[in-house]
Amino acid sequence: MPARYLIADEPTTALDATIEAQIIDLLRRLRNEFSGSIIFISHNLGTVLQLCDEVAVMYGGHLVELGAVRDVLAKPLHPYSRALIGCEIDDQPRNVPLAFIPGKVPEPVDTPPGCIFAPRCSYAVEKCERAMPALRPFKGQLAACARLEDIT
C-alpha cells in the first residue's frame, strides 16, 4: 500500500474560537483513525503543541530546526525558533510591548549567500554570512545554525 498523507495547511487560521476547537477536535480524531501521516502546517505554536509529535521549523524555505514538539518549543536551538516562540502573545502582559523579529523576510529570488536568517539574527557573526549551515544533531534535536555551541 502506498504511503498516505493528509496535508492540513493553516486549517485554523482566521477562524473563531468555536470553529477552531471543532477543527482541532476533528484533526485529533483523524490522527487516531488515519493510517498514514498528517502534515500540519501552522504559525500557531499552541495548536502545533496540541496536535503534533514532531515539529519542523522553516524560515525562508529552509528547514532550520527539527525535533520532538515539546523539546523544540521548550528549548529551541535555532535563533529563528527562539524568536518565533518569543513572539507568541498568549501569556504576554498587557503593559509589555509585543515582541517582533526585526528586519524583513528575504525575497525568494534574492536570498543572502549565507544563513537565510543571518540578516535578522542577533547572534549572527561573519561565518554566518558565508554559507547556509547544514541541519545537524545537537542536544537531541536537529538545527541548522553555525553557532549552536555558542548560543545554547
N, C-alpha and C. Protein backbone atom coordinates (compact mmCIF):
# COMPACT_ATOMS: atom_id res chain seq x y z
N MET A 1 0.85 -1.18 0.00
CA MET A 1 0.00 0.00 0.00
C MET A 1 0.89 1.25 0.00
N PRO A 2 0.62 2.21 -0.85
CA PRO A 2 1.43 3.43 -0.90
C PRO A 2 1.26 4.24 0.38
N ALA A 3 2.25 5.07 0.66
CA ALA A 3 2.18 5.95 1.82
C ALA A 3 0.99 6.90 1.66
N ARG A 4 0.36 7.19 2.79
CA ARG A 4 -0.80 8.09 2.76
C ARG A 4 -0.50 9.29 3.64
N TYR A 5 -0.82 10.46 3.09
CA TYR A 5 -0.57 11.71 3.81
C TYR A 5 -1.81 12.59 3.74
N LEU A 6 -2.06 13.28 4.82
CA LEU A 6 -3.08 14.32 4.84
C LEU A 6 -2.31 15.60 5.13
N ILE A 7 -2.43 16.57 4.26
CA ILE A 7 -1.76 17.86 4.46
C ILE A 7 -2.81 18.88 4.90
N ALA A 8 -2.62 19.41 6.10
CA ALA A 8 -3.52 20.42 6.65
C ALA A 8 -2.73 21.73 6.70
N ASP A 9 -2.94 22.58 5.72
CA ASP A 9 -2.19 23.83 5.59
C ASP A 9 -2.98 24.97 6.22
N GLU A 10 -2.54 25.41 7.39
CA GLU A 10 -3.16 26.51 8.14
C GLU A 10 -4.69 26.29 8.28
N PRO A 11 -5.12 25.11 8.76
CA PRO A 11 -6.55 24.83 8.80
C PRO A 11 -7.34 25.62 9.84
N THR A 12 -6.66 26.26 10.78
CA THR A 12 -7.38 27.01 11.81
C THR A 12 -7.16 28.52 11.72
N THR A 13 -6.46 28.98 10.71
CA THR A 13 -6.18 30.40 10.57
C THR A 13 -7.47 31.18 10.32
N ALA A 14 -7.62 32.29 11.03
CA ALA A 14 -8.73 33.23 10.87
C ALA A 14 -10.10 32.64 11.22
N LEU A 15 -10.11 31.61 12.05
CA LEU A 15 -11.37 31.03 12.50
C LEU A 15 -11.70 31.53 13.90
N ASP A 16 -12.99 31.63 14.21
CA ASP A 16 -13.34 31.99 15.58
C ASP A 16 -13.03 30.81 16.48
N ALA A 17 -12.98 31.04 17.78
CA ALA A 17 -12.53 30.03 18.74
C ALA A 17 -13.37 28.76 18.70
N THR A 18 -14.67 28.87 18.50
CA THR A 18 -15.54 27.70 18.47
C THR A 18 -15.25 26.80 17.27
N ILE A 19 -15.13 27.40 16.09
CA ILE A 19 -14.84 26.62 14.89
C ILE A 19 -13.42 26.06 14.96
N GLU A 20 -12.47 26.84 15.48
CA GLU A 20 -11.10 26.36 15.63
C GLU A 20 -11.06 25.12 16.51
N ALA A 21 -11.80 25.14 17.62
CA ALA A 21 -11.85 23.99 18.52
C ALA A 21 -12.43 22.77 17.81
N GLN A 22 -13.43 22.98 16.96
CA GLN A 22 -14.03 21.87 16.21
C GLN A 22 -13.02 21.29 15.21
N ILE A 23 -12.27 22.13 14.55
CA ILE A 23 -11.26 21.65 13.60
C ILE A 23 -10.16 20.88 14.34
N ILE A 24 -9.73 21.40 15.48
CA ILE A 24 -8.71 20.70 16.27
C ILE A 24 -9.22 19.34 16.71
N ASP A 25 -10.47 19.28 17.16
CA ASP A 25 -11.06 18.00 17.56
C ASP A 25 -11.12 17.04 16.38
N LEU A 26 -11.52 17.53 15.21
CA LEU A 26 -11.57 16.69 14.00
C LEU A 26 -10.18 16.16 13.66
N LEU A 27 -9.17 17.01 13.71
CA LEU A 27 -7.80 16.57 13.41
C LEU A 27 -7.31 15.54 14.42
N ARG A 28 -7.68 15.71 15.68
CA ARG A 28 -7.31 14.70 16.71
C ARG A 28 -7.95 13.35 16.38
N ARG A 29 -9.24 13.38 16.02
CA ARG A 29 -9.92 12.12 15.67
C ARG A 29 -9.30 11.49 14.44
N LEU A 30 -9.00 12.30 13.42
CA LEU A 30 -8.36 11.78 12.22
C LEU A 30 -6.99 11.19 12.54
N ARG A 31 -6.27 11.84 13.41
CA ARG A 31 -4.94 11.35 13.81
C ARG A 31 -5.04 9.94 14.40
N ASN A 32 -6.08 9.69 15.19
CA ASN A 32 -6.25 8.39 15.81
C ASN A 32 -6.76 7.33 14.84
N GLU A 33 -7.48 7.75 13.80
CA GLU A 33 -8.11 6.81 12.88
C GLU A 33 -7.36 6.63 11.57
N PHE A 34 -6.56 7.59 11.21
CA PHE A 34 -5.91 7.64 9.91
C PHE A 34 -4.67 6.75 9.89
N SER A 35 -4.57 5.88 8.92
CA SER A 35 -3.38 5.02 8.84
C SER A 35 -2.39 5.66 7.87
N GLY A 36 -1.84 6.75 8.28
CA GLY A 36 -0.88 7.49 7.49
C GLY A 36 -0.33 8.61 8.34
N SER A 37 0.16 9.64 7.71
CA SER A 37 0.73 10.77 8.42
C SER A 37 -0.04 12.04 8.11
N ILE A 38 -0.15 12.89 9.12
CA ILE A 38 -0.77 14.20 8.93
C ILE A 38 0.35 15.23 9.01
N ILE A 39 0.46 16.02 7.95
CA ILE A 39 1.42 17.13 7.93
C ILE A 39 0.61 18.39 8.24
N PHE A 40 0.87 18.95 9.41
CA PHE A 40 0.11 20.10 9.89
C PHE A 40 0.98 21.34 9.75
N ILE A 41 0.56 22.27 8.91
CA ILE A 41 1.32 23.49 8.65
C ILE A 41 0.61 24.64 9.37
N SER A 42 1.37 25.33 10.24
CA SER A 42 0.74 26.40 11.01
C SER A 42 1.77 27.35 11.59
N HIS A 43 1.34 28.58 11.83
CA HIS A 43 2.14 29.55 12.58
C HIS A 43 1.69 29.56 14.05
N ASN A 44 0.61 28.87 14.35
CA ASN A 44 0.05 28.85 15.70
C ASN A 44 0.74 27.75 16.51
N LEU A 45 1.72 28.13 17.31
CA LEU A 45 2.51 27.15 18.04
C LEU A 45 1.72 26.44 19.13
N GLY A 46 0.72 27.09 19.67
CA GLY A 46 -0.15 26.43 20.65
C GLY A 46 -0.89 25.26 20.04
N THR A 47 -1.38 25.44 18.83
CA THR A 47 -2.07 24.36 18.13
C THR A 47 -1.09 23.26 17.73
N VAL A 48 0.10 23.65 17.31
CA VAL A 48 1.14 22.66 16.98
C VAL A 48 1.41 21.80 18.22
N LEU A 49 1.51 22.42 19.38
CA LEU A 49 1.77 21.70 20.62
C LEU A 49 0.64 20.71 20.92
N GLN A 50 -0.59 21.11 20.65
CA GLN A 50 -1.74 20.24 20.92
C GLN A 50 -1.82 19.04 19.98
N LEU A 51 -1.40 19.21 18.73
CA LEU A 51 -1.68 18.19 17.71
C LEU A 51 -0.48 17.38 17.23
N CYS A 52 0.73 17.86 17.44
CA CYS A 52 1.88 17.26 16.76
C CYS A 52 2.82 16.54 17.71
N ASP A 53 3.50 15.53 17.18
CA ASP A 53 4.54 14.83 17.92
C ASP A 53 5.90 15.46 17.62
N GLU A 54 6.11 15.81 16.37
CA GLU A 54 7.36 16.42 15.93
C GLU A 54 7.05 17.73 15.24
N VAL A 55 8.05 18.61 15.24
CA VAL A 55 7.88 19.90 14.58
C VAL A 55 9.11 20.19 13.72
N ALA A 56 8.85 20.73 12.55
CA ALA A 56 9.91 21.19 11.65
C ALA A 56 9.71 22.69 11.50
N VAL A 57 10.70 23.45 11.92
CA VAL A 57 10.62 24.92 11.83
C VAL A 57 11.32 25.34 10.55
N MET A 58 10.61 26.10 9.73
CA MET A 58 11.17 26.56 8.46
C MET A 58 11.23 28.08 8.44
N TYR A 59 12.26 28.57 7.78
CA TYR A 59 12.40 30.01 7.56
C TYR A 59 12.91 30.22 6.15
N GLY A 60 12.20 31.03 5.38
CA GLY A 60 12.62 31.34 4.02
C GLY A 60 12.79 30.11 3.15
N GLY A 61 11.97 29.09 3.38
CA GLY A 61 12.05 27.87 2.59
C GLY A 61 13.12 26.89 3.04
N HIS A 62 13.81 27.19 4.13
CA HIS A 62 14.87 26.33 4.65
C HIS A 62 14.45 25.72 5.98
N LEU A 63 14.70 24.44 6.15
CA LEU A 63 14.46 23.78 7.42
C LEU A 63 15.56 24.21 8.39
N VAL A 64 15.18 24.84 9.49
CA VAL A 64 16.18 25.34 10.43
C VAL A 64 16.20 24.59 11.76
N GLU A 65 15.13 23.86 12.07
CA GLU A 65 15.13 23.06 13.30
C GLU A 65 14.10 21.95 13.18
N LEU A 66 14.43 20.81 13.79
CA LEU A 66 13.56 19.64 13.74
C LEU A 66 13.73 18.87 15.04
N GLY A 67 12.61 18.46 15.62
CA GLY A 67 12.69 17.66 16.83
C GLY A 67 11.32 17.38 17.40
N ALA A 68 11.30 16.72 18.55
CA ALA A 68 10.05 16.48 19.26
C ALA A 68 9.43 17.83 19.60
N VAL A 69 8.14 17.96 19.39
CA VAL A 69 7.49 19.26 19.54
C VAL A 69 7.71 19.83 20.95
N ARG A 70 7.60 19.03 21.96
CA ARG A 70 7.78 19.54 23.33
C ARG A 70 9.21 20.02 23.56
N ASP A 71 10.20 19.33 22.97
CA ASP A 71 11.59 19.74 23.13
C ASP A 71 11.87 21.05 22.40
N VAL A 72 11.43 21.13 21.16
CA VAL A 72 11.70 22.33 20.35
C VAL A 72 10.99 23.55 20.94
N LEU A 73 9.75 23.39 21.38
CA LEU A 73 9.03 24.55 21.92
C LEU A 73 9.51 24.92 23.31
N ALA A 74 10.02 23.96 24.09
CA ALA A 74 10.52 24.25 25.43
C ALA A 74 11.94 24.77 25.40
N LYS A 75 12.78 24.23 24.51
CA LYS A 75 14.19 24.61 24.44
C LYS A 75 14.61 24.74 22.99
N PRO A 76 14.13 25.77 22.31
CA PRO A 76 14.50 25.94 20.90
C PRO A 76 15.99 26.20 20.76
N LEU A 77 16.57 25.62 19.73
CA LEU A 77 18.01 25.79 19.48
C LEU A 77 18.30 26.90 18.48
N HIS A 78 17.55 26.93 17.39
CA HIS A 78 17.83 27.89 16.32
C HIS A 78 17.32 29.28 16.72
N PRO A 79 18.08 30.33 16.41
CA PRO A 79 17.65 31.69 16.74
C PRO A 79 16.27 32.05 16.17
N TYR A 80 15.91 31.55 14.99
CA TYR A 80 14.58 31.85 14.46
C TYR A 80 13.51 31.18 15.30
N SER A 81 13.73 29.92 15.69
CA SER A 81 12.76 29.22 16.54
C SER A 81 12.56 30.00 17.84
N ARG A 82 13.66 30.45 18.43
CA ARG A 82 13.58 31.24 19.66
C ARG A 82 12.78 32.52 19.45
N ALA A 83 13.08 33.21 18.36
CA ALA A 83 12.38 34.47 18.08
C ALA A 83 10.90 34.24 17.82
N LEU A 84 10.59 33.20 17.08
CA LEU A 84 9.19 32.88 16.78
C LEU A 84 8.41 32.59 18.06
N ILE A 85 8.99 31.79 18.93
CA ILE A 85 8.34 31.48 20.21
C ILE A 85 8.23 32.75 21.07
N GLY A 86 9.24 33.60 21.01
CA GLY A 86 9.21 34.85 21.75
C GLY A 86 8.12 35.81 21.30
N CYS A 87 7.61 35.62 20.09
CA CYS A 87 6.56 36.49 19.56
C CYS A 87 5.15 36.01 19.91
N GLU A 88 5.04 34.85 20.57
CA GLU A 88 3.72 34.38 20.97
C GLU A 88 3.12 35.38 21.95
N ILE A 89 1.83 35.63 21.83
CA ILE A 89 1.20 36.66 22.66
C ILE A 89 0.26 36.08 23.72
N ASP A 90 0.12 34.78 23.78
CA ASP A 90 -0.85 34.18 24.71
C ASP A 90 -0.64 34.60 26.16
N ASP A 91 0.60 34.60 26.63
CA ASP A 91 0.88 34.92 28.03
C ASP A 91 1.50 36.31 28.22
N GLN A 92 1.41 37.13 27.20
CA GLN A 92 2.03 38.45 27.22
C GLN A 92 1.23 39.40 28.11
N PRO A 93 1.87 40.00 29.14
CA PRO A 93 1.16 41.01 29.94
C PRO A 93 0.74 42.19 29.06
N ARG A 94 -0.36 42.81 29.40
CA ARG A 94 -0.89 43.90 28.57
C ARG A 94 0.01 45.12 28.54
N ASN A 95 0.79 45.36 29.56
CA ASN A 95 1.62 46.57 29.60
C ASN A 95 3.00 46.37 28.98
N VAL A 96 3.26 45.19 28.42
CA VAL A 96 4.55 44.91 27.79
C VAL A 96 4.38 44.96 26.27
N PRO A 97 5.24 45.70 25.58
CA PRO A 97 5.11 45.77 24.12
C PRO A 97 5.27 44.38 23.48
N LEU A 98 4.58 44.16 22.39
CA LEU A 98 4.68 42.88 21.69
C LEU A 98 6.07 42.70 21.12
N ALA A 99 6.58 41.47 21.22
CA ALA A 99 7.88 41.15 20.65
C ALA A 99 7.74 41.02 19.14
N PHE A 100 8.81 41.29 18.42
CA PHE A 100 8.81 41.13 16.97
C PHE A 100 10.22 40.78 16.53
N ILE A 101 10.32 40.28 15.31
CA ILE A 101 11.61 39.94 14.74
C ILE A 101 12.00 41.10 13.83
N PRO A 102 13.09 41.81 14.15
CA PRO A 102 13.47 42.97 13.33
C PRO A 102 13.90 42.57 11.93
N GLY A 103 13.89 43.54 11.03
CA GLY A 103 14.31 43.29 9.66
C GLY A 103 13.17 42.82 8.79
N LYS A 104 13.51 42.35 7.60
CA LYS A 104 12.46 41.89 6.68
C LYS A 104 12.78 40.49 6.17
N VAL A 105 11.73 39.79 5.83
CA VAL A 105 11.86 38.43 5.29
C VAL A 105 12.53 38.54 3.92
N PRO A 106 13.50 37.66 3.63
CA PRO A 106 14.17 37.75 2.33
C PRO A 106 13.24 37.41 1.18
N GLU A 107 13.48 38.03 0.05
CA GLU A 107 12.73 37.71 -1.16
C GLU A 107 13.13 36.31 -1.62
N PRO A 108 12.20 35.51 -2.08
CA PRO A 108 12.53 34.14 -2.51
C PRO A 108 13.58 34.08 -3.61
N VAL A 109 13.66 35.10 -4.43
CA VAL A 109 14.63 35.10 -5.54
C VAL A 109 15.92 35.85 -5.20
N ASP A 110 15.97 36.45 -4.00
CA ASP A 110 17.14 37.24 -3.62
C ASP A 110 17.55 36.89 -2.20
N THR A 111 17.93 35.63 -1.98
CA THR A 111 18.30 35.20 -0.65
C THR A 111 19.78 35.50 -0.39
N PRO A 112 20.12 35.74 0.86
CA PRO A 112 21.52 36.01 1.18
C PRO A 112 22.38 34.77 0.93
N PRO A 113 23.68 34.94 0.69
CA PRO A 113 24.54 33.79 0.39
C PRO A 113 24.77 32.86 1.57
N GLY A 114 24.66 33.34 2.78
CA GLY A 114 24.92 32.53 3.97
C GLY A 114 23.64 32.01 4.59
N CYS A 115 23.60 32.02 5.89
CA CYS A 115 22.41 31.58 6.60
C CYS A 115 21.24 32.48 6.22
N ILE A 116 20.13 31.87 5.90
CA ILE A 116 18.94 32.61 5.45
C ILE A 116 18.44 33.58 6.53
N PHE A 117 18.69 33.26 7.80
CA PHE A 117 18.20 34.09 8.90
C PHE A 117 19.23 35.12 9.37
N ALA A 118 20.46 35.04 8.92
CA ALA A 118 21.54 35.90 9.41
C ALA A 118 21.22 37.40 9.40
N PRO A 119 20.60 37.95 8.35
CA PRO A 119 20.33 39.39 8.36
C PRO A 119 19.41 39.84 9.50
N ARG A 120 18.64 38.93 10.07
CA ARG A 120 17.71 39.28 11.14
C ARG A 120 18.13 38.71 12.50
N CYS A 121 19.24 38.01 12.54
CA CYS A 121 19.65 37.26 13.72
C CYS A 121 20.57 38.07 14.63
N SER A 122 20.23 38.12 15.90
CA SER A 122 21.05 38.85 16.86
C SER A 122 22.34 38.11 17.22
N TYR A 123 22.45 36.84 16.84
CA TYR A 123 23.65 36.04 17.12
C TYR A 123 24.59 35.96 15.92
N ALA A 124 24.21 36.51 14.79
CA ALA A 124 24.99 36.35 13.55
C ALA A 124 26.37 36.96 13.68
N VAL A 125 27.34 36.23 13.13
CA VAL A 125 28.72 36.70 13.02
C VAL A 125 29.15 36.48 11.57
N GLU A 126 30.37 36.83 11.26
CA GLU A 126 30.84 36.77 9.87
C GLU A 126 30.65 35.39 9.23
N LYS A 127 30.95 34.31 9.95
CA LYS A 127 30.82 32.98 9.35
C LYS A 127 29.38 32.65 8.96
N CYS A 128 28.41 33.29 9.59
CA CYS A 128 27.00 33.06 9.27
C CYS A 128 26.64 33.60 7.88
N GLU A 129 27.41 34.57 7.43
CA GLU A 129 27.14 35.21 6.14
C GLU A 129 27.79 34.48 4.97
N ARG A 130 28.62 33.48 5.25
CA ARG A 130 29.34 32.78 4.19
C ARG A 130 28.60 31.59 3.61
N ALA A 131 27.97 30.79 4.47
CA ALA A 131 27.33 29.57 3.98
C ALA A 131 26.13 29.21 4.84
N MET A 132 25.11 28.65 4.21
CA MET A 132 23.94 28.16 4.94
C MET A 132 24.37 26.90 5.69
N PRO A 133 24.28 26.92 7.02
CA PRO A 133 24.71 25.73 7.77
C PRO A 133 23.78 24.54 7.52
N ALA A 134 24.36 23.36 7.58
CA ALA A 134 23.59 22.14 7.41
C ALA A 134 22.83 21.84 8.70
N LEU A 135 21.72 21.15 8.54
CA LEU A 135 20.96 20.66 9.68
C LEU A 135 21.82 19.60 10.36
N ARG A 136 22.05 19.74 11.67
CA ARG A 136 22.92 18.79 12.36
C ARG A 136 22.37 18.49 13.75
N PRO A 137 22.70 17.29 14.26
CA PRO A 137 22.21 16.92 15.59
C PRO A 137 22.88 17.74 16.68
N PHE A 138 22.07 18.13 17.66
CA PHE A 138 22.59 18.86 18.81
C PHE A 138 21.57 18.74 19.93
N LYS A 139 21.98 18.23 21.06
CA LYS A 139 21.12 18.10 22.25
C LYS A 139 19.80 17.41 21.95
N GLY A 140 19.84 16.36 21.15
CA GLY A 140 18.65 15.56 20.87
C GLY A 140 17.72 16.12 19.82
N GLN A 141 18.07 17.23 19.22
CA GLN A 141 17.28 17.84 18.16
C GLN A 141 18.20 18.02 16.96
N LEU A 142 17.66 18.56 15.89
CA LEU A 142 18.44 18.93 14.72
C LEU A 142 18.25 20.41 14.49
N ALA A 143 19.35 21.11 14.22
CA ALA A 143 19.25 22.54 13.95
C ALA A 143 20.31 22.94 12.94
N ALA A 144 20.01 23.98 12.17
CA ALA A 144 20.92 24.50 11.15
C ALA A 144 21.42 25.86 11.59
N CYS A 145 22.40 25.83 12.49
CA CYS A 145 22.99 27.08 12.98
C CYS A 145 24.47 26.84 13.22
N ALA A 146 25.30 27.71 12.70
CA ALA A 146 26.75 27.57 12.86
C ALA A 146 27.20 27.87 14.28
N ARG A 147 26.34 28.45 15.10
CA ARG A 147 26.75 28.88 16.43
C ARG A 147 26.04 28.14 17.56
N LEU A 148 25.54 26.96 17.31
CA LEU A 148 24.78 26.23 18.33
C LEU A 148 25.54 26.12 19.65
N GLU A 149 26.81 25.76 19.58
CA GLU A 149 27.59 25.58 20.81
C GLU A 149 27.78 26.90 21.55
N ASP A 150 27.77 28.00 20.84
CA ASP A 150 28.00 29.32 21.46
C ASP A 150 26.75 29.93 22.09
N ILE A 151 25.59 29.61 21.54
CA ILE A 151 24.38 30.32 21.96
C ILE A 151 23.43 29.51 22.81
N THR A 152 23.70 28.22 22.98
CA THR A 152 22.77 27.41 23.80
C THR A 152 23.34 27.12 25.17
